[in-house]
Amino acid sequence: MKETEVASARGEVLGVTDDELFEMANLSPPRTGLSRRIWVSVNARLQHHRPRLKVEGTDHNFYPVSIDDPVEYLSGWPPGWSAADFAALQRFVALNRQVLLEYWNDRIDTEQAIARVQSI
């Protein structure tokens, strides 16, 4: 069993499969104003009930973060993310919630989403 499958079996969605990583768009710090890269995706397989993006911890695992209210970590606090990093992420999500949700719900494509994202 792959590491991502083991994590999923424990109920901790910390890893991502190669297919999931391929389906995700990454947004760099210069584009977002955040200190770290974040990952966004479309809920194409309708596998999640709550809209989310993912952040990468210093352990190289991916941690889901809700993009609806309240913005919160869905599988624990990622290693290497400070309270200030999280506060900035919350501001970013609040500023970009509409575009993030439109992308999550497959109403806009990746190019449109990236063009509409605003930096904090």
N, C-alpha and C. Protein backbone atom coordinates (compact mmCIF):
# COMPACT_ATOMS: atom_id res chain seq x y z
N MET A 1 0.84 -1.17 0.00
CA MET A 1 0.00 0.00 0.00
C MET A 1 0.90 1.24 0.00
N LYS A 2 0.59 2.23 -0.85
CA LYS A 2 1.35 3.47 -0.93
C LYS A 2 1.16 4.29 0.34
N GLU A 3 2.13 5.18 0.60
CA GLU A 3 2.04 6.05 1.77
C GLU A 3 0.75 6.86 1.77
N THR A 4 0.36 7.38 0.61
CA THR A 4 -0.86 8.19 0.55
C THR A 4 -2.08 7.36 0.88
N GLU A 5 -2.07 6.08 0.49
CA GLU A 5 -3.21 5.22 0.79
C GLU A 5 -3.26 4.91 2.28
N VAL A 6 -2.09 4.73 2.89
CA VAL A 6 -2.05 4.46 4.32
C VAL A 6 -2.57 5.67 5.09
N ALA A 7 -2.11 6.87 4.71
CA ALA A 7 -2.58 8.09 5.37
C ALA A 7 -4.08 8.24 5.23
N SER A 8 -4.59 7.97 4.03
CA SER A 8 -6.03 8.08 3.79
C SER A 8 -6.79 7.07 4.63
N ALA A 9 -6.24 5.86 4.76
CA ALA A 9 -6.90 4.83 5.54
C ALA A 9 -7.00 5.23 7.01
N ARG A 10 -6.03 6.04 7.48
CA ARG A 10 -6.07 6.52 8.86
C ARG A 10 -6.99 7.71 9.01
N GLY A 11 -7.54 8.21 7.89
CA GLY A 11 -8.42 9.36 7.96
C GLY A 11 -7.67 10.68 7.91
N GLU A 12 -6.37 10.64 7.65
CA GLU A 12 -5.56 11.84 7.58
C GLU A 12 -5.21 12.08 6.12
N VAL A 13 -5.82 13.05 5.52
CA VAL A 13 -5.59 13.32 4.11
C VAL A 13 -4.36 14.21 4.01
N LEU A 14 -3.19 13.62 4.22
CA LEU A 14 -1.95 14.39 4.25
C LEU A 14 -1.17 14.28 2.96
N GLY A 15 -1.24 13.14 2.31
CA GLY A 15 -0.52 12.97 1.06
C GLY A 15 -1.46 13.15 -0.11
N VAL A 16 -0.90 13.15 -1.28
CA VAL A 16 -1.71 13.18 -2.49
C VAL A 16 -1.16 12.15 -3.45
N THR A 17 -2.03 11.58 -4.25
CA THR A 17 -1.58 10.65 -5.26
C THR A 17 -0.96 11.42 -6.41
N ASP A 18 -0.25 10.72 -7.27
CA ASP A 18 0.33 11.37 -8.45
C ASP A 18 -0.76 12.00 -9.31
N ASP A 19 -1.90 11.31 -9.46
CA ASP A 19 -3.00 11.86 -10.26
C ASP A 19 -3.54 13.15 -9.64
N GLU A 20 -3.70 13.16 -8.32
CA GLU A 20 -4.21 14.36 -7.65
C GLU A 20 -3.24 15.52 -7.81
N LEU A 21 -1.95 15.25 -7.68
CA LEU A 21 -0.96 16.30 -7.83
C LEU A 21 -1.00 16.87 -9.24
N PHE A 22 -1.16 16.00 -10.24
CA PHE A 22 -1.25 16.45 -11.63
C PHE A 22 -2.46 17.35 -11.84
N GLU A 23 -3.55 17.08 -11.13
CA GLU A 23 -4.80 17.84 -11.30
C GLU A 23 -4.80 19.16 -10.53
N MET A 24 -3.79 19.40 -9.71
CA MET A 24 -3.76 20.60 -8.90
C MET A 24 -2.92 21.69 -9.56
N ALA A 25 -3.36 22.93 -9.41
CA ALA A 25 -2.58 24.08 -9.87
C ALA A 25 -1.89 24.69 -8.66
N ASN A 26 -0.61 25.03 -8.83
CA ASN A 26 0.07 25.66 -7.70
C ASN A 26 0.16 27.16 -7.91
N LEU A 27 0.01 27.87 -6.82
CA LEU A 27 0.08 29.33 -6.82
C LEU A 27 1.29 29.73 -5.98
N SER A 28 2.22 30.43 -6.59
CA SER A 28 3.49 30.77 -5.95
C SER A 28 3.37 32.00 -5.05
N PRO A 29 4.31 32.15 -4.13
CA PRO A 29 4.31 33.33 -3.26
C PRO A 29 4.25 34.67 -3.99
N PRO A 30 4.96 34.87 -5.10
CA PRO A 30 4.82 36.17 -5.78
C PRO A 30 3.39 36.44 -6.28
N ARG A 31 2.66 35.40 -6.62
CA ARG A 31 1.29 35.58 -7.11
C ARG A 31 0.30 35.80 -5.96
N THR A 32 0.54 35.16 -4.81
CA THR A 32 -0.43 35.21 -3.71
C THR A 32 -0.09 36.20 -2.60
N GLY A 33 1.19 36.51 -2.46
CA GLY A 33 1.63 37.33 -1.33
C GLY A 33 1.85 36.51 -0.07
N LEU A 34 1.65 35.21 -0.15
CA LEU A 34 1.89 34.32 0.98
C LEU A 34 3.37 33.95 1.04
N SER A 35 3.81 33.41 2.15
CA SER A 35 5.21 33.03 2.30
C SER A 35 5.51 31.67 1.66
N ARG A 36 4.46 30.93 1.32
CA ARG A 36 4.63 29.57 0.78
C ARG A 36 3.69 29.33 -0.39
N ARG A 37 4.01 28.33 -1.16
CA ARG A 37 3.19 27.91 -2.30
C ARG A 37 1.93 27.21 -1.78
N ILE A 38 0.81 27.44 -2.47
CA ILE A 38 -0.43 26.73 -2.15
C ILE A 38 -0.90 26.00 -3.41
N TRP A 39 -1.79 25.04 -3.23
CA TRP A 39 -2.27 24.19 -4.31
C TRP A 39 -3.79 24.24 -4.34
N VAL A 40 -4.36 24.46 -5.52
CA VAL A 40 -5.81 24.51 -5.68
C VAL A 40 -6.23 23.48 -6.71
N SER A 41 -7.47 23.03 -6.60
CA SER A 41 -7.96 22.02 -7.55
C SER A 41 -9.46 22.14 -7.72
N VAL A 42 -9.93 21.45 -8.74
CA VAL A 42 -11.36 21.32 -9.00
C VAL A 42 -11.83 20.05 -8.29
N ASN A 43 -13.01 20.07 -7.76
CA ASN A 43 -13.57 18.88 -7.11
C ASN A 43 -14.21 17.99 -8.17
N ALA A 44 -13.43 17.63 -9.18
CA ALA A 44 -13.94 16.92 -10.35
C ALA A 44 -14.57 15.57 -10.00
N ARG A 45 -14.01 14.88 -9.05
CA ARG A 45 -14.53 13.55 -8.70
C ARG A 45 -15.56 13.61 -7.58
N LEU A 46 -15.91 14.82 -7.18
CA LEU A 46 -16.90 15.03 -6.12
C LEU A 46 -16.59 14.20 -4.89
N GLN A 47 -15.31 14.13 -4.54
CA GLN A 47 -14.91 13.30 -3.42
C GLN A 47 -14.87 14.04 -2.08
N HIS A 48 -15.00 15.36 -2.11
CA HIS A 48 -14.96 16.13 -0.87
C HIS A 48 -16.24 16.93 -0.71
N HIS A 49 -16.77 16.94 0.49
CA HIS A 49 -18.00 17.69 0.74
C HIS A 49 -17.71 19.15 1.08
N ARG A 50 -16.50 19.44 1.43
CA ARG A 50 -16.15 20.81 1.82
C ARG A 50 -15.06 21.35 0.89
N PRO A 51 -15.26 22.54 0.30
CA PRO A 51 -14.26 23.08 -0.61
C PRO A 51 -12.94 23.36 0.11
N ARG A 52 -11.85 23.11 -0.61
CA ARG A 52 -10.54 23.18 0.03
C ARG A 52 -9.43 23.53 -0.95
N LEU A 53 -8.33 23.96 -0.39
CA LEU A 53 -7.06 24.05 -1.09
C LEU A 53 -6.08 23.26 -0.24
N LYS A 54 -4.85 23.16 -0.69
CA LYS A 54 -3.86 22.43 0.10
C LYS A 54 -2.60 23.26 0.26
N VAL A 55 -1.98 23.08 1.42
CA VAL A 55 -0.70 23.71 1.71
C VAL A 55 0.29 22.58 1.98
N GLU A 56 1.56 22.87 1.73
CA GLU A 56 2.58 21.86 1.96
C GLU A 56 3.32 22.18 3.24
N GLY A 57 3.44 21.18 4.10
CA GLY A 57 4.20 21.34 5.34
C GLY A 57 5.67 21.07 5.09
N THR A 58 6.50 21.38 6.08
CA THR A 58 7.93 21.11 5.94
C THR A 58 8.22 19.61 5.90
N ASP A 59 7.23 18.80 6.24
CA ASP A 59 7.37 17.34 6.14
C ASP A 59 7.03 16.84 4.73
N HIS A 60 6.73 17.77 3.81
CA HIS A 60 6.41 17.50 2.40
C HIS A 60 5.07 16.79 2.22
N ASN A 61 4.24 16.77 3.24
CA ASN A 61 2.87 16.30 3.10
C ASN A 61 1.98 17.49 2.79
N PHE A 62 0.84 17.22 2.18
CA PHE A 62 -0.12 18.26 1.82
C PHE A 62 -1.27 18.25 2.83
N TYR A 63 -1.63 19.44 3.30
CA TYR A 63 -2.65 19.59 4.33
C TYR A 63 -3.82 20.39 3.77
N PRO A 64 -5.04 19.84 3.83
CA PRO A 64 -6.20 20.56 3.32
C PRO A 64 -6.61 21.71 4.24
N VAL A 65 -7.03 22.79 3.59
CA VAL A 65 -7.51 23.98 4.29
C VAL A 65 -8.85 24.35 3.66
N SER A 66 -9.85 24.58 4.48
CA SER A 66 -11.17 24.94 3.95
C SER A 66 -11.11 26.32 3.30
N ILE A 67 -11.89 26.49 2.22
CA ILE A 67 -11.99 27.80 1.59
C ILE A 67 -13.37 28.42 1.80
N ASP A 68 -14.23 27.69 2.52
CA ASP A 68 -15.50 28.29 2.95
C ASP A 68 -15.27 28.80 4.38
N ASP A 69 -16.31 29.33 5.01
CA ASP A 69 -16.18 29.81 6.39
C ASP A 69 -16.45 28.70 7.37
N PRO A 70 -15.70 28.56 8.41
CA PRO A 70 -14.48 29.29 8.70
C PRO A 70 -13.29 28.66 7.97
N VAL A 71 -12.30 29.48 7.64
CA VAL A 71 -11.07 28.97 7.04
C VAL A 71 -10.31 28.26 8.17
N GLU A 72 -10.06 26.96 7.97
CA GLU A 72 -9.38 26.18 9.01
C GLU A 72 -8.65 25.01 8.39
N TYR A 73 -7.64 24.53 9.12
CA TYR A 73 -6.94 23.31 8.71
C TYR A 73 -7.90 22.15 8.94
N LEU A 74 -7.99 21.26 7.96
CA LEU A 74 -8.94 20.15 8.05
C LEU A 74 -8.29 18.85 8.54
N SER A 75 -6.96 18.80 8.57
CA SER A 75 -6.26 17.59 9.03
C SER A 75 -5.08 17.93 9.92
N GLY A 76 -5.24 18.91 10.74
CA GLY A 76 -4.17 19.30 11.65
C GLY A 76 -3.28 20.40 11.08
N TRP A 77 -2.51 20.98 11.98
CA TRP A 77 -1.63 22.10 11.65
C TRP A 77 -0.40 21.59 10.91
N PRO A 78 -0.11 22.12 9.71
CA PRO A 78 1.06 21.64 8.97
C PRO A 78 2.37 22.08 9.62
N PRO A 79 3.34 21.19 9.71
CA PRO A 79 4.64 21.58 10.24
C PRO A 79 5.23 22.73 9.43
N GLY A 80 5.81 23.69 10.13
CA GLY A 80 6.46 24.81 9.47
C GLY A 80 5.56 26.00 9.22
N TRP A 81 4.26 25.87 9.47
CA TRP A 81 3.33 26.99 9.27
C TRP A 81 3.11 27.68 10.62
N SER A 82 3.45 28.96 10.68
CA SER A 82 3.28 29.73 11.91
C SER A 82 1.87 30.30 11.99
N ALA A 83 1.55 30.87 13.14
CA ALA A 83 0.25 31.54 13.29
C ALA A 83 0.14 32.71 12.32
N ALA A 84 1.25 33.41 12.08
CA ALA A 84 1.25 34.53 11.13
C ALA A 84 1.01 34.03 9.71
N ASP A 85 1.62 32.88 9.35
CA ASP A 85 1.39 32.28 8.02
C ASP A 85 -0.09 31.94 7.85
N PHE A 86 -0.69 31.36 8.90
CA PHE A 86 -2.09 30.98 8.82
C PHE A 86 -2.99 32.21 8.72
N ALA A 87 -2.68 33.26 9.47
CA ALA A 87 -3.48 34.49 9.39
C ALA A 87 -3.41 35.08 7.98
N ALA A 88 -2.23 35.04 7.36
CA ALA A 88 -2.09 35.53 5.99
C ALA A 88 -2.90 34.65 5.03
N LEU A 89 -2.87 33.34 5.24
CA LEU A 89 -3.65 32.42 4.41
C LEU A 89 -5.14 32.72 4.55
N GLN A 90 -5.60 32.97 5.76
CA GLN A 90 -7.00 33.33 5.98
C GLN A 90 -7.37 34.61 5.21
N ARG A 91 -6.49 35.61 5.24
CA ARG A 91 -6.75 36.85 4.49
C ARG A 91 -6.79 36.58 2.99
N PHE A 92 -5.87 35.74 2.51
CA PHE A 92 -5.84 35.40 1.09
C PHE A 92 -7.14 34.72 0.67
N VAL A 93 -7.58 33.75 1.45
CA VAL A 93 -8.81 33.03 1.12
C VAL A 93 -10.00 33.98 1.15
N ALA A 94 -10.09 34.83 2.16
CA ALA A 94 -11.22 35.77 2.23
C ALA A 94 -11.23 36.69 1.01
N LEU A 95 -10.07 37.18 0.61
CA LEU A 95 -9.97 38.07 -0.54
C LEU A 95 -10.34 37.37 -1.85
N ASN A 96 -10.00 36.08 -1.95
CA ASN A 96 -10.16 35.33 -3.20
C ASN A 96 -11.22 34.24 -3.13
N ARG A 97 -12.07 34.28 -2.13
CA ARG A 97 -13.04 33.19 -1.92
C ARG A 97 -13.90 32.94 -3.17
N GLN A 98 -14.39 33.98 -3.80
CA GLN A 98 -15.27 33.78 -4.95
C GLN A 98 -14.56 33.03 -6.07
N VAL A 99 -13.35 33.45 -6.42
CA VAL A 99 -12.63 32.78 -7.51
C VAL A 99 -12.24 31.36 -7.10
N LEU A 100 -11.83 31.16 -5.85
CA LEU A 100 -11.47 29.82 -5.39
C LEU A 100 -12.67 28.87 -5.45
N LEU A 101 -13.84 29.36 -5.05
CA LEU A 101 -15.04 28.52 -5.10
C LEU A 101 -15.49 28.27 -6.54
N GLU A 102 -15.39 29.26 -7.39
CA GLU A 102 -15.74 29.05 -8.80
C GLU A 102 -14.82 28.01 -9.43
N TYR A 103 -13.55 28.06 -9.09
CA TYR A 103 -12.61 27.06 -9.61
C TYR A 103 -12.91 25.68 -9.03
N TRP A 104 -13.12 25.61 -7.72
CA TRP A 104 -13.44 24.35 -7.04
C TRP A 104 -14.67 23.69 -7.68
N ASN A 105 -15.67 24.51 -8.01
CA ASN A 105 -16.91 24.00 -8.59
C ASN A 105 -16.86 23.87 -10.11
N ASP A 106 -15.69 24.02 -10.69
CA ASP A 106 -15.45 23.82 -12.12
C ASP A 106 -16.25 24.79 -12.99
N ARG A 107 -16.42 26.02 -12.50
CA ARG A 107 -17.14 27.04 -13.28
C ARG A 107 -16.17 27.90 -14.09
N ILE A 108 -14.89 27.88 -13.71
CA ILE A 108 -13.85 28.57 -14.46
C ILE A 108 -12.67 27.62 -14.61
N ASP A 109 -11.85 27.87 -15.63
CA ASP A 109 -10.70 26.99 -15.82
C ASP A 109 -9.47 27.54 -15.08
N THR A 110 -8.39 26.79 -15.14
CA THR A 110 -7.18 27.14 -14.40
C THR A 110 -6.65 28.50 -14.82
N GLU A 111 -6.59 28.75 -16.11
CA GLU A 111 -6.07 30.03 -16.61
C GLU A 111 -6.89 31.20 -16.08
N GLN A 112 -8.21 31.06 -16.10
CA GLN A 112 -9.07 32.12 -15.58
C GLN A 112 -8.86 32.32 -14.08
N ALA A 113 -8.75 31.23 -13.36
CA ALA A 113 -8.55 31.32 -11.91
C ALA A 113 -7.25 32.04 -11.59
N ILE A 114 -6.17 31.64 -12.24
CA ILE A 114 -4.87 32.25 -11.97
C ILE A 114 -4.90 33.73 -12.30
N ALA A 115 -5.55 34.10 -13.40
CA ALA A 115 -5.62 35.50 -13.80
C ALA A 115 -6.41 36.35 -12.81
N ARG A 116 -7.38 35.74 -12.12
CA ARG A 116 -8.25 36.50 -11.22
C ARG A 116 -7.77 36.53 -9.77
N VAL A 117 -6.83 35.67 -9.41
CA VAL A 117 -6.34 35.64 -8.04
C VAL A 117 -5.66 36.97 -7.71
N GLN A 118 -5.98 37.50 -6.53
CA GLN A 118 -5.38 38.74 -6.05
C GLN A 118 -4.39 38.45 -4.92
N SER A 119 -3.27 39.12 -4.97
CA SER A 119 -2.25 38.98 -3.92
C SER A 119 -2.68 39.77 -2.69
N ILE A 120 -2.26 39.29 -1.53
CA ILE A 120 -2.55 40.05 -0.30
C ILE A 120 -1.44 41.05 -0.03
